[in-house]
Amino acid sequence: GNVFSRIGRQWMLVTAGTKERCNTMTASWGGLGVLWGRPSATAY
C-alpha cells in the first residue's frame, strides 16, 4: 500500500494503554520510513 493513501485518505487509529484500559484516536498525519537504521513510524 501507498503510505500517503493509507495515512492521508484511509486514516489510522493511534492507540496506547493496556488491553484493559486503552484510548484511541483517528489520525491523518504521520509517516513511515527508516530512522536510526530501524523501520519507524511518526504520529503527530
Full PDB file with SEQRES, HELIX, SHEET, SSBOND, CRYST1, ORIGX, SCALE, CONECT and MASTER records, all heavy atoms in Angstrom:
SEQRES   1 A   44  GLY ASN VAL PHE SER ARG ILE GLY ARG GLN TRP MET LEU          
SEQRES   2 A   44  VAL THR ALA GLY THR LYS GLU ARG CYS ASN THR MET THR          
SEQRES   3 A   44  ALA SER TRP GLY GLY LEU GLY VAL LEU TRP GLY ARG PRO          
SEQRES   4 A   44  SER ALA THR ALA TYR                                          
HELIX    1 AA1 VAL A    3  PHE A    4  1                                   2    
HELIX    2 AA2 SER A    5  GLN A   10  3                                   6    
SHEET    1 AA1 2 MET A  12  GLY A  17  0                                        
SHEET    2 AA1 2 CYS A  22  ALA A  27 -1                                        
SHEET    1 AA2 2 GLY A  30  LEU A  35  0                                        
SHEET    2 AA2 2 ARG A  38  ALA A  43 -1                                        
CRYST1    1.000    1.000    1.000  90.00  90.00  90.00 P 1           1          
ORIGX1      1.000000  0.000000  0.000000        0.00000                         
ORIGX2      0.000000  1.000000  0.000000        0.00000                         
ORIGX3      0.000000  0.000000  1.000000        0.00000                         
SCALE1      1.000000  0.000000  0.000000        0.00000                         
SCALE2      0.000000  1.000000  0.000000        0.00000                         
SCALE3      0.000000  0.000000  1.000000        0.00000                         
ATOM      1  N   GLY A   1       0.796  -1.217   0.000  1.00  0.00           N  
ATOM      2  CA  GLY A   1       0.000   0.000   0.000  1.00  0.00           C  
ATOM      3  C   GLY A   1       0.829   1.268   0.000  1.00  0.00           C  
ATOM      4  O   GLY A   1       1.958   1.305   0.455  1.00  0.00           O  
ATOM      5  N   ASN A   2       0.230   2.290  -0.516  1.00  0.00           N  
ATOM      6  CA  ASN A   2       0.823   3.605  -0.590  1.00  0.00           C  
ATOM      7  C   ASN A   2       0.648   4.313   0.748  1.00  0.00           C  
ATOM      8  O   ASN A   2      -0.466   4.490   1.221  1.00  0.00           O  
ATOM      9  CB  ASN A   2       0.129   4.381  -1.719  1.00  0.00           C  
ATOM     10  CG  ASN A   2       0.655   5.772  -1.882  1.00  0.00           C  
ATOM     11  OD1 ASN A   2       0.786   6.519  -0.918  1.00  0.00           O  
ATOM     12  ND2 ASN A   2       0.931   6.140  -3.118  1.00  0.00           N  
ATOM     13  N   VAL A   3       1.749   4.708   1.366  1.00  0.00           N  
ATOM     14  CA  VAL A   3       1.700   5.321   2.688  1.00  0.00           C  
ATOM     15  C   VAL A   3       0.881   6.618   2.675  1.00  0.00           C  
ATOM     16  O   VAL A   3       0.188   6.927   3.637  1.00  0.00           O  
ATOM     17  CB  VAL A   3       3.118   5.547   3.249  1.00  0.00           C  
ATOM     18  CG1 VAL A   3       3.877   6.575   2.446  1.00  0.00           C  
ATOM     19  CG2 VAL A   3       3.063   5.955   4.697  1.00  0.00           C  
ATOM     20  N   PHE A   4       0.906   7.357   1.575  1.00  0.00           N  
ATOM     21  CA  PHE A   4       0.143   8.598   1.503  1.00  0.00           C  
ATOM     22  C   PHE A   4      -1.357   8.308   1.517  1.00  0.00           C  
ATOM     23  O   PHE A   4      -2.122   9.005   2.184  1.00  0.00           O  
ATOM     24  CB  PHE A   4       0.532   9.395   0.251  1.00  0.00           C  
ATOM     25  CG  PHE A   4       1.973   9.809   0.273  1.00  0.00           C  
ATOM     26  CD1 PHE A   4       2.921   9.109  -0.459  1.00  0.00           C  
ATOM     27  CD2 PHE A   4       2.391  10.886   1.040  1.00  0.00           C  
ATOM     28  CE1 PHE A   4       4.255   9.473  -0.435  1.00  0.00           C  
ATOM     29  CE2 PHE A   4       3.723  11.265   1.078  1.00  0.00           C  
ATOM     30  CZ  PHE A   4       4.663  10.553   0.342  1.00  0.00           C  
ATOM     31  N   SER A   5      -1.775   7.270   0.798  1.00  0.00           N  
ATOM     32  CA  SER A   5      -3.182   6.878   0.808  1.00  0.00           C  
ATOM     33  C   SER A   5      -3.582   6.278   2.154  1.00  0.00           C  
ATOM     34  O   SER A   5      -4.642   6.594   2.692  1.00  0.00           O  
ATOM     35  CB  SER A   5      -3.464   5.854  -0.297  1.00  0.00           C  
ATOM     36  OG  SER A   5      -3.248   6.437  -1.553  1.00  0.00           O  
ATOM     37  N   ARG A   6      -2.730   5.415   2.670  1.00  0.00           N  
ATOM     38  CA  ARG A   6      -3.049   4.760   3.950  1.00  0.00           C  
ATOM     39  C   ARG A   6      -3.272   5.784   5.056  1.00  0.00           C  
ATOM     40  O   ARG A   6      -4.248   5.711   5.786  1.00  0.00           O  
ATOM     41  CB  ARG A   6      -1.935   3.813   4.370  1.00  0.00           C  
ATOM     42  CG  ARG A   6      -2.003   2.457   3.749  1.00  0.00           C  
ATOM     43  CD  ARG A   6      -0.920   1.558   4.354  1.00  0.00           C  
ATOM     44  NE  ARG A   6      -0.990   0.247   3.782  1.00  0.00           N  
ATOM     45  CZ  ARG A   6      -1.577  -0.784   4.383  1.00  0.00           C  
ATOM     46  NH1 ARG A   6      -2.112  -0.660   5.552  1.00  0.00           N  
ATOM     47  NH2 ARG A   6      -1.607  -1.961   3.785  1.00  0.00           N  
ATOM     48  N   ILE A   7      -2.353   6.708   5.209  1.00  0.00           N  
ATOM     49  CA  ILE A   7      -2.447   7.656   6.317  1.00  0.00           C  
ATOM     50  C   ILE A   7      -3.361   8.830   5.980  1.00  0.00           C  
ATOM     51  O   ILE A   7      -4.260   9.174   6.746  1.00  0.00           O  
ATOM     52  CB  ILE A   7      -1.042   8.154   6.729  1.00  0.00           C  
ATOM     53  CG1 ILE A   7      -0.217   6.977   7.261  1.00  0.00           C  
ATOM     54  CG2 ILE A   7      -1.142   9.256   7.785  1.00  0.00           C  
ATOM     55  CD1 ILE A   7       1.248   7.281   7.501  1.00  0.00           C  
ATOM     56  N   GLY A   8      -3.159   9.445   4.833  1.00  0.00           N  
ATOM     57  CA  GLY A   8      -3.882  10.665   4.493  1.00  0.00           C  
ATOM     58  C   GLY A   8      -5.327  10.482   4.088  1.00  0.00           C  
ATOM     59  O   GLY A   8      -6.156  11.353   4.339  1.00  0.00           O  
ATOM     60  N   ARG A   9      -5.665   9.350   3.462  1.00  0.00           N  
ATOM     61  CA  ARG A   9      -7.043   9.125   2.997  1.00  0.00           C  
ATOM     62  C   ARG A   9      -7.766   8.026   3.772  1.00  0.00           C  
ATOM     63  O   ARG A   9      -8.930   8.141   4.083  1.00  0.00           O  
ATOM     64  CB  ARG A   9      -7.033   8.786   1.512  1.00  0.00           C  
ATOM     65  CG  ARG A   9      -6.654   9.960   0.659  1.00  0.00           C  
ATOM     66  CD  ARG A   9      -6.979   9.709  -0.809  1.00  0.00           C  
ATOM     67  NE  ARG A   9      -6.364  10.753  -1.609  1.00  0.00           N  
ATOM     68  CZ  ARG A   9      -5.293  10.595  -2.357  1.00  0.00           C  
ATOM     69  NH1 ARG A   9      -4.721   9.413  -2.437  1.00  0.00           N  
ATOM     70  NH2 ARG A   9      -4.791  11.591  -3.057  1.00  0.00           N  
ATOM     71  N   GLN A  10      -7.062   6.928   4.028  1.00  0.00           N  
ATOM     72  CA  GLN A  10      -7.671   5.812   4.751  1.00  0.00           C  
ATOM     73  C   GLN A  10      -7.754   6.126   6.244  1.00  0.00           C  
ATOM     74  O   GLN A  10      -8.663   5.694   6.907  1.00  0.00           O  
ATOM     75  CB  GLN A  10      -6.861   4.532   4.526  1.00  0.00           C  
ATOM     76  CG  GLN A  10      -7.448   3.297   5.154  1.00  0.00           C  
ATOM     77  CD  GLN A  10      -6.583   2.058   4.930  1.00  0.00           C  
ATOM     78  OE1 GLN A  10      -5.555   2.094   4.260  1.00  0.00           O  
ATOM     79  NE2 GLN A  10      -7.000   0.942   5.502  1.00  0.00           N  
ATOM     80  N   TRP A  11      -6.775   6.898   6.739  1.00  0.00           N  
ATOM     81  CA  TRP A  11      -6.630   7.273   8.131  1.00  0.00           C  
ATOM     82  C   TRP A  11      -6.142   6.088   8.955  1.00  0.00           C  
ATOM     83  O   TRP A  11      -6.095   4.952   8.480  1.00  0.00           O  
ATOM     84  CB  TRP A  11      -7.881   7.848   8.751  1.00  0.00           C  
ATOM     85  CG  TRP A  11      -8.484   9.014   8.051  1.00  0.00           C  
ATOM     86  CD1 TRP A  11      -7.873   9.856   7.170  1.00  0.00           C  
ATOM     87  CD2 TRP A  11      -9.826   9.483   8.181  1.00  0.00           C  
ATOM     88  NE1 TRP A  11      -8.746  10.817   6.746  1.00  0.00           N  
ATOM     89  CE2 TRP A  11      -9.962  10.615   7.344  1.00  0.00           C  
ATOM     90  CE3 TRP A  11     -10.925   9.053   8.905  1.00  0.00           C  
ATOM     91  CZ2 TRP A  11     -11.148  11.319   7.235  1.00  0.00           C  
ATOM     92  CZ3 TRP A  11     -12.109   9.756   8.797  1.00  0.00           C  
ATOM     93  CH2 TRP A  11     -12.210  10.876   7.970  1.00  0.00           C  
ATOM     94  N   MET A  12      -5.764   6.373  10.180  1.00  0.00           N  
ATOM     95  CA  MET A  12      -5.282   5.333  11.076  1.00  0.00           C  
ATOM     96  C   MET A  12      -5.756   5.644  12.483  1.00  0.00           C  
ATOM     97  O   MET A  12      -6.108   6.774  12.794  1.00  0.00           O  
ATOM     98  CB  MET A  12      -3.751   5.254  11.038  1.00  0.00           C  
ATOM     99  CG  MET A  12      -3.043   6.513  11.474  1.00  0.00           C  
ATOM    100  SD  MET A  12      -1.251   6.360  11.244  1.00  0.00           S  
ATOM    101  CE  MET A  12      -0.730   8.025  11.661  1.00  0.00           C  
ATOM    102  N   LEU A  13      -5.761   4.621  13.303  1.00  0.00           N  
ATOM    103  CA  LEU A  13      -6.037   4.797  14.724  1.00  0.00           C  
ATOM    104  C   LEU A  13      -4.717   4.728  15.468  1.00  0.00           C  
ATOM    105  O   LEU A  13      -3.943   3.787  15.276  1.00  0.00           O  
ATOM    106  CB  LEU A  13      -6.976   3.707  15.241  1.00  0.00           C  
ATOM    107  CG  LEU A  13      -8.408   3.760  14.738  1.00  0.00           C  
ATOM    108  CD1 LEU A  13      -9.198   2.569  15.275  1.00  0.00           C  
ATOM    109  CD2 LEU A  13      -9.086   5.065  15.120  1.00  0.00           C  
ATOM    110  N   VAL A  14      -4.453   5.723  16.283  1.00  0.00           N  
ATOM    111  CA  VAL A  14      -3.298   5.726  17.172  1.00  0.00           C  
ATOM    112  C   VAL A  14      -3.824   5.288  18.532  1.00  0.00           C  
ATOM    113  O   VAL A  14      -4.742   5.917  19.081  1.00  0.00           O  
ATOM    114  CB  VAL A  14      -2.659   7.128  17.275  1.00  0.00           C  
ATOM    115  CG1 VAL A  14      -1.470   7.105  18.217  1.00  0.00           C  
ATOM    116  CG2 VAL A  14      -2.277   7.652  15.900  1.00  0.00           C  
ATOM    117  N   THR A  15      -3.264   4.198  19.064  1.00  0.00           N  
ATOM    118  CA  THR A  15      -3.795   3.592  20.281  1.00  0.00           C  
ATOM    119  C   THR A  15      -2.661   3.313  21.252  1.00  0.00           C  
ATOM    120  O   THR A  15      -1.594   2.861  20.855  1.00  0.00           O  
ATOM    121  CB  THR A  15      -4.524   2.270  19.951  1.00  0.00           C  
ATOM    122  OG1 THR A  15      -5.453   2.500  18.890  1.00  0.00           O  
ATOM    123  CG2 THR A  15      -5.252   1.717  21.158  1.00  0.00           C  
ATOM    124  N   ALA A  16      -2.926   3.566  22.529  1.00  0.00           N  
ATOM    125  CA  ALA A  16      -1.951   3.255  23.571  1.00  0.00           C  
ATOM    126  C   ALA A  16      -2.700   2.895  24.845  1.00  0.00           C  
ATOM    127  O   ALA A  16      -3.879   3.206  25.002  1.00  0.00           O  
ATOM    128  CB  ALA A  16      -1.012   4.432  23.815  1.00  0.00           C  
ATOM    129  N   GLY A  17      -1.995   2.240  25.740  1.00  0.00           N  
ATOM    130  CA  GLY A  17      -2.570   1.823  27.012  1.00  0.00           C  
ATOM    131  C   GLY A  17      -2.353   0.340  27.206  1.00  0.00           C  
ATOM    132  O   GLY A  17      -1.321  -0.214  26.822  1.00  0.00           O  
ATOM    133  N   THR A  18      -3.360  -0.287  27.791  1.00  0.00           N  
ATOM    134  CA  THR A  18      -3.329  -1.722  28.038  1.00  0.00           C  
ATOM    135  C   THR A  18      -4.572  -2.352  27.435  1.00  0.00           C  
ATOM    136  O   THR A  18      -5.491  -1.644  27.017  1.00  0.00           O  
ATOM    137  CB  THR A  18      -3.308  -2.022  29.547  1.00  0.00           C  
ATOM    138  OG1 THR A  18      -4.547  -1.559  30.120  1.00  0.00           O  
ATOM    139  CG2 THR A  18      -2.131  -1.349  30.247  1.00  0.00           C  
ATOM    140  N   LYS A  19      -4.616  -3.664  27.422  1.00  0.00           N  
ATOM    141  CA  LYS A  19      -5.809  -4.343  26.907  1.00  0.00           C  
ATOM    142  C   LYS A  19      -7.044  -3.951  27.714  1.00  0.00           C  
ATOM    143  O   LYS A  19      -8.121  -3.770  27.178  1.00  0.00           O  
ATOM    144  CB  LYS A  19      -5.615  -5.866  26.938  1.00  0.00           C  
ATOM    145  CG  LYS A  19      -6.774  -6.621  26.341  1.00  0.00           C  
ATOM    146  CD  LYS A  19      -6.517  -8.101  26.245  1.00  0.00           C  
ATOM    147  CE  LYS A  19      -7.691  -8.765  25.536  1.00  0.00           C  
ATOM    148  NZ  LYS A  19      -7.452 -10.171  25.280  1.00  0.00           N  
ATOM    149  N   GLU A  20      -6.856  -3.778  29.018  1.00  0.00           N  
ATOM    150  CA  GLU A  20      -7.979  -3.453  29.895  1.00  0.00           C  
ATOM    151  C   GLU A  20      -8.369  -1.974  29.843  1.00  0.00           C  
ATOM    152  O   GLU A  20      -9.527  -1.632  30.045  1.00  0.00           O  
ATOM    153  CB  GLU A  20      -7.638  -3.812  31.348  1.00  0.00           C  
ATOM    154  CG  GLU A  20      -7.391  -5.285  31.588  1.00  0.00           C  
ATOM    155  CD  GLU A  20      -6.049  -5.783  31.049  1.00  0.00           C  
ATOM    156  OE1 GLU A  20      -5.073  -5.004  31.015  1.00  0.00           O  
ATOM    157  OE2 GLU A  20      -5.991  -6.961  30.633  1.00  0.00           O  
ATOM    158  N   ARG A  21      -7.400  -1.108  29.560  1.00  0.00           N  
ATOM    159  CA  ARG A  21      -7.691   0.331  29.551  1.00  0.00           C  
ATOM    160  C   ARG A  21      -6.794   1.020  28.525  1.00  0.00           C  
ATOM    161  O   ARG A  21      -5.616   1.257  28.774  1.00  0.00           O  
ATOM    162  CB  ARG A  21      -7.462   0.943  30.923  1.00  0.00           C  
ATOM    163  CG  ARG A  21      -7.874   2.401  30.961  1.00  0.00           C  
ATOM    164  CD  ARG A  21      -8.118   2.881  32.380  1.00  0.00           C  
ATOM    165  NE  ARG A  21      -8.702   4.190  32.340  1.00  0.00           N  
ATOM    166  CZ  ARG A  21      -8.024   5.309  32.629  1.00  0.00           C  
ATOM    167  NH1 ARG A  21      -6.770   5.254  32.992  1.00  0.00           N  
ATOM    168  NH2 ARG A  21      -8.625   6.473  32.558  1.00  0.00           N  
ATOM    169  N   CYS A  22      -7.394   1.315  27.395  1.00  0.00           N  
ATOM    170  CA  CYS A  22      -6.649   1.993  26.336  1.00  0.00           C  
ATOM    171  C   CYS A  22      -7.491   3.130  25.786  1.00  0.00           C  
ATOM    172  O   CYS A  22      -8.682   3.234  26.062  1.00  0.00           O  
ATOM    173  CB  CYS A  22      -6.272   1.012  25.223  1.00  0.00           C  
ATOM    174  SG  CYS A  22      -7.655   0.262  24.353  1.00  0.00           S  
ATOM    175  N   ASN A  23      -6.852   3.978  25.023  1.00  0.00           N  
ATOM    176  CA  ASN A  23      -7.577   5.013  24.306  1.00  0.00           C  
ATOM    177  C   ASN A  23      -7.029   5.077  22.890  1.00  0.00           C  
ATOM    178  O   ASN A  23      -5.867   4.759  22.639  1.00  0.00           O  
ATOM    179  CB  ASN A  23      -7.452   6.374  24.989  1.00  0.00           C  
ATOM    180  CG  ASN A  23      -8.548   7.315  24.507  1.00  0.00           C  
ATOM    181  OD1 ASN A  23      -9.720   7.076  24.708  1.00  0.00           O  
ATOM    182  ND2 ASN A  23      -8.162   8.376  23.836  1.00  0.00           N  
ATOM    183  N   THR A  24      -7.891   5.494  21.982  1.00  0.00           N  
ATOM    184  CA  THR A  24      -7.534   5.553  20.576  1.00  0.00           C  
ATOM    185  C   THR A  24      -8.044   6.842  19.977  1.00  0.00           C  
ATOM    186  O   THR A  24      -9.003   7.438  20.472  1.00  0.00           O  
ATOM    187  CB  THR A  24      -8.093   4.326  19.824  1.00  0.00           C  
ATOM    188  OG1 THR A  24      -7.528   4.272  18.525  1.00  0.00           O  
ATOM    189  CG2 THR A  24      -9.614   4.351  19.727  1.00  0.00           C  
ATOM    190  N   MET A  25      -7.396   7.285  18.928  1.00  0.00           N  
ATOM    191  CA  MET A  25      -7.833   8.467  18.194  1.00  0.00           C  
ATOM    192  C   MET A  25      -7.518   8.287  16.719  1.00  0.00           C  
ATOM    193  O   MET A  25      -6.573   7.585  16.345  1.00  0.00           O  
ATOM    194  CB  MET A  25      -7.149   9.729  18.713  1.00  0.00           C  
ATOM    195  CG  MET A  25      -5.641   9.713  18.581  1.00  0.00           C  
ATOM    196  SD  MET A  25      -4.860  11.288  18.972  1.00  0.00           S  
ATOM    197  CE  MET A  25      -4.870  12.040  17.343  1.00  0.00           C  
ATOM    198  N   THR A  26      -8.314   8.903  15.882  1.00  0.00           N  
ATOM    199  CA  THR A  26      -8.086   8.875  14.455  1.00  0.00           C  
ATOM    200  C   THR A  26      -7.036   9.911  14.096  1.00  0.00           C  
ATOM    201  O   THR A  26      -7.035  11.014  14.641  1.00  0.00           O  
ATOM    202  CB  THR A  26      -9.401   9.182  13.706  1.00  0.00           C  
ATOM    203  OG1 THR A  26     -10.368   8.197  14.084  1.00  0.00           O  
ATOM    204  CG2 THR A  26      -9.210   9.161  12.202  1.00  0.00           C  
ATOM    205  N   ALA A  27      -6.140   9.546  13.199  1.00  0.00           N  
ATOM    206  CA  ALA A  27      -5.111  10.471  12.739  1.00  0.00           C  
ATOM    207  C   ALA A  27      -4.956  10.360  11.224  1.00  0.00           C  
ATOM    208  O   ALA A  27      -5.094   9.277  10.658  1.00  0.00           O  
ATOM    209  CB  ALA A  27      -3.779  10.169  13.425  1.00  0.00           C  
ATOM    210  N   SER A  28      -4.674  11.491  10.610  1.00  0.00           N  
ATOM    211  CA  SER A  28      -4.393  11.503   9.175  1.00  0.00           C  
ATOM    212  C   SER A  28      -3.066  12.193   8.886  1.00  0.00           C  
ATOM    213  O   SER A  28      -2.767  12.509   7.743  1.00  0.00           O  
ATOM    214  CB  SER A  28      -5.520  12.204   8.408  1.00  0.00           C  
ATOM    215  OG  SER A  28      -5.627  13.555   8.826  1.00  0.00           O  
ATOM    216  N   TRP A  29      -2.295  12.433   9.934  1.00  0.00           N  
ATOM    217  CA  TRP A  29      -0.944  12.973   9.802  1.00  0.00           C  
ATOM    218  C   TRP A  29       0.012  11.949  10.363  1.00  0.00           C  
ATOM    219  O   TRP A  29      -0.182  11.451  11.478  1.00  0.00           O  
ATOM    220  CB  TRP A  29      -0.792  14.264  10.589  1.00  0.00           C  
ATOM    221  CG  TRP A  29      -1.519  15.459  10.048  1.00  0.00           C  
ATOM    222  CD1 TRP A  29      -2.472  15.482   9.070  1.00  0.00           C  
ATOM    223  CD2 TRP A  29      -1.359  16.804  10.477  1.00  0.00           C  
ATOM    224  NE1 TRP A  29      -2.908  16.754   8.866  1.00  0.00           N  
ATOM    225  CE2 TRP A  29      -2.229  17.600   9.732  1.00  0.00           C  
ATOM    226  CE3 TRP A  29      -0.552  17.418  11.429  1.00  0.00           C  
ATOM    227  CZ2 TRP A  29      -2.326  18.971   9.897  1.00  0.00           C  
ATOM    228  CZ3 TRP A  29      -0.656  18.796  11.587  1.00  0.00           C  
ATOM    229  CH2 TRP A  29      -1.528  19.555  10.815  1.00  0.00           C  
ATOM    230  N   GLY A  30       1.049  11.646   9.631  1.00  0.00           N  
ATOM    231  CA  GLY A  30       2.038  10.697  10.106  1.00  0.00           C  
ATOM    232  C   GLY A  30       2.945  10.296   8.968  1.00  0.00           C  
ATOM    233  O   GLY A  30       2.850  10.834   7.862  1.00  0.00           O  
ATOM    234  N   GLY A  31       3.805   9.360   9.249  1.00  0.00           N  
ATOM    235  CA  GLY A  31       4.720   8.902   8.213  1.00  0.00           C  
ATOM    236  C   GLY A  31       5.360   7.583   8.566  1.00  0.00           C  
ATOM    237  O   GLY A  31       5.343   7.144   9.722  1.00  0.00           O  
ATOM    238  N   LEU A  32       5.913   6.953   7.556  1.00  0.00           N  
ATOM    239  CA  LEU A  32       6.654   5.703   7.714  1.00  0.00           C  
ATOM    240  C   LEU A  32       7.976   5.860   6.997  1.00  0.00           C  
ATOM    241  O   LEU A  32       8.048   6.506   5.944  1.00  0.00           O  
ATOM    242  CB  LEU A  32       5.884   4.526   7.102  1.00  0.00           C  
ATOM    243  CG  LEU A  32       4.487   4.256   7.629  1.00  0.00           C  
ATOM    244  CD1 LEU A  32       3.848   3.101   6.853  1.00  0.00           C  
ATOM    245  CD2 LEU A  32       4.522   3.946   9.107  1.00  0.00           C  
ATOM    246  N   GLY A  33       9.018   5.281   7.562  1.00  0.00           N  
ATOM    247  CA  GLY A  33      10.328   5.370   6.931  1.00  0.00           C  
ATOM    248  C   GLY A  33      11.364   4.647   7.754  1.00  0.00           C  
ATOM    249  O   GLY A  33      11.046   3.720   8.507  1.00  0.00           O  
ATOM    250  N   VAL A  34      12.595   5.074   7.618  1.00  0.00           N  
ATOM    251  CA  VAL A  34      13.702   4.465   8.335  1.00  0.00           C  
ATOM    252  C   VAL A  34      14.402   5.567   9.114  1.00  0.00           C  
ATOM    253  O   VAL A  34      14.712   6.631   8.568  1.00  0.00           O  
ATOM    254  CB  VAL A  34      14.685   3.786   7.357  1.00  0.00           C  
ATOM    255  CG1 VAL A  34      15.869   3.205   8.105  1.00  0.00           C  
ATOM    256  CG2 VAL A  34      13.968   2.696   6.553  1.00  0.00           C  
ATOM    257  N   LEU A  35      14.624   5.330  10.397  1.00  0.00           N  
ATOM    258  CA  LEU A  35      15.341   6.266  11.250  1.00  0.00           C  
ATOM    259  C   LEU A  35      16.230   5.462  12.182  1.00  0.00           C  
ATOM    260  O   LEU A  35      15.791   4.455  12.748  1.00  0.00           O  
ATOM    261  CB  LEU A  35      14.357   7.122  12.059  1.00  0.00           C  
ATOM    262  CG  LEU A  35      14.991   8.162  12.983  1.00  0.00           C  
ATOM    263  CD1 LEU A  35      15.741   9.224  12.185  1.00  0.00           C  
ATOM    264  CD2 LEU A  35      13.920   8.811  13.852  1.00  0.00           C  
ATOM    265  N   TRP A  36      17.459   5.904  12.335  1.00  0.00           N  
ATOM    266  CA  TRP A  36      18.420   5.238  13.197  1.00  0.00           C  
ATOM    267  C   TRP A  36      18.575   3.757  12.808  1.00  0.00           C  
ATOM    268  O   TRP A  36      18.745   2.883  13.652  1.00  0.00           O  
ATOM    269  CB  TRP A  36      18.051   5.391  14.667  1.00  0.00           C  
ATOM    270  CG  TRP A  36      17.968   6.840  15.095  1.00  0.00           C  
ATOM    271  CD1 TRP A  36      18.829   7.840  14.743  1.00  0.00           C  
ATOM    272  CD2 TRP A  36      16.982   7.436  15.935  1.00  0.00           C  
ATOM    273  NE1 TRP A  36      18.425   9.022  15.322  1.00  0.00           N  
ATOM    274  CE2 TRP A  36      17.293   8.810  16.059  1.00  0.00           C  
ATOM    275  CE3 TRP A  36      15.859   6.949  16.600  1.00  0.00           C  
ATOM    276  CZ2 TRP A  36      16.545   9.696  16.814  1.00  0.00           C  
ATOM    277  CZ3 TRP A  36      15.103   7.830  17.348  1.00  0.00           C  
ATOM    278  CH2 TRP A  36      15.447   9.184  17.451  1.00  0.00           C  
ATOM    279  N   GLY A  37      18.471   3.509  11.492  1.00  0.00           N  
ATOM    280  CA  GLY A  37      18.668   2.167  10.976  1.00  0.00           C  
ATOM    281  C   GLY A  37      17.518   1.212  11.234  1.00  0.00           C  
ATOM    282  O   GLY A  37      17.664   0.012  11.021  1.00  0.00           O  
ATOM    283  N   ARG A  38      16.377   1.726  11.659  1.00  0.00           N  
ATOM    284  CA  ARG A  38      15.226   0.877  12.001  1.00  0.00           C  
ATOM    285  C   ARG A  38      13.970   1.363  11.273  1.00  0.00           C  
ATOM    286  O   ARG A  38      13.802   2.570  11.064  1.00  0.00           O  
ATOM    287  CB  ARG A  38      14.943   0.942  13.499  1.00  0.00           C  
ATOM    288  CG  ARG A  38      16.113   0.623  14.382  1.00  0.00           C  
ATOM    289  CD  ARG A  38      16.280  -0.849  14.509  1.00  0.00           C  
ATOM    290  NE  ARG A  38      17.289  -1.124  15.526  1.00  0.00           N  
ATOM    291  CZ  ARG A  38      17.971  -2.220  15.581  1.00  0.00           C  
ATOM    292  NH1 ARG A  38      17.762  -3.166  14.709  1.00  0.00           N  
ATOM    293  NH2 ARG A  38      18.870  -2.400  16.517  1.00  0.00           N  
ATOM    294  N   PRO A  39      13.061   0.439  10.929  1.00  0.00           N  
ATOM    295  CA  PRO A  39      11.778   0.880  10.381  1.00  0.00           C  
ATOM    296  C   PRO A  39      11.048   1.684  11.458  1.00  0.00           C  
ATOM    297  O   PRO A  39      11.010   1.287  12.624  1.00  0.00           O  
ATOM    298  CB  PRO A  39      11.047  -0.425  10.054  1.00  0.00           C  
ATOM    299  CG  PRO A  39      11.742  -1.480  10.855  1.00  0.00           C  
ATOM    300  CD  PRO A  39      13.133  -1.008  11.089  1.00  0.00           C  
ATOM    301  N   SER A  40      10.518   2.829  11.050  1.00  0.00           N  
ATOM    302  CA  SER A  40       9.939   3.753  12.027  1.00  0.00           C  
ATOM    303  C   SER A  40       8.638   4.347  11.528  1.00  0.00           C  
ATOM    304  O   SER A  40       8.385   4.415  10.325  1.00  0.00           O  
ATOM    305  CB  SER A  40      10.925   4.890  12.314  1.00  0.00           C  
ATOM    306  OG  SER A  40      12.134   4.381  12.821  1.00  0.00           O  
ATOM    307  N   ALA A  41       7.836   4.795  12.477  1.00  0.00           N  
ATOM    308  CA  ALA A  41       6.582   5.480  12.183  1.00  0.00           C  
ATOM    309  C   ALA A  41       6.528   6.755  12.999  1.00  0.00           C  
ATOM    310  O   ALA A  41       7.040   6.806  14.119  1.00  0.00           O  
ATOM    311  CB  ALA A  41       5.396   4.583  12.532  1.00  0.00           C  
ATOM    312  N   THR A  42       5.890   7.770  12.429  1.00  0.00           N  
ATOM    313  CA  THR A  42       5.672   9.009  13.166  1.00  0.00           C  
ATOM    314  C   THR A  42       4.184   9.262  13.286  1.00  0.00           C  
ATOM    315  O   THR A  42       3.401   8.931  12.395  1.00  0.00           O  
ATOM    316  CB  THR A  42       6.330  10.222  12.473  1.00  0.00           C  
ATOM    317  OG1 THR A  42       5.787  10.365  11.160  1.00  0.00           O  
ATOM    318  CG2 THR A  42       7.828  10.063  12.386  1.00  0.00           C  
ATOM    319  N   ALA A  43       3.824   9.849  14.406  1.00  0.00           N  
ATOM    320  CA  ALA A  43       2.447  10.286  14.635  1.00  0.00           C  
ATOM    321  C   ALA A  43       2.521  11.663  15.277  1.00  0.00           C  
ATOM    322  O   ALA A  43       3.454  11.958  16.032  1.00  0.00           O  
ATOM    323  CB  ALA A  43       1.707   9.301  15.541  1.00  0.00           C  
ATOM    324  N   TYR A  44       1.556  12.496  14.974  1.00  0.00           N  
ATOM    325  CA  TYR A  44       1.509  13.859  15.483  1.00  0.00           C  
ATOM    326  C   TYR A  44       0.249  14.017  16.329  1.00  0.00           C  
ATOM    327  O   TYR A  44      -0.851  13.801  15.835  1.00  0.00           O  
ATOM    328  CB  TYR A  44       1.509  14.852  14.311  1.00  0.00           C  
ATOM    329  CG  TYR A  44       2.730  14.684  13.436  1.00  0.00           C  
ATOM    330  CD1 TYR A  44       2.730  13.807  12.359  1.00  0.00           C  
ATOM    331  CD2 TYR A  44       3.886  15.386  13.716  1.00  0.00           C  
ATOM    332  CE1 TYR A  44       3.856  13.637  11.578  1.00  0.00           C  
ATOM    333  CE2 TYR A  44       5.028  15.224  12.937  1.00  0.00           C  
ATOM    334  CZ  TYR A  44       4.998  14.350  11.873  1.00  0.00           C  
ATOM    335  OH  TYR A  44       6.115  14.181  11.107  1.00  0.00           O  
TER     336      TYR A  44                                                      
MASTER        0    0    0    2    4    0    0    6  335    1    0    4          
END                                                                             
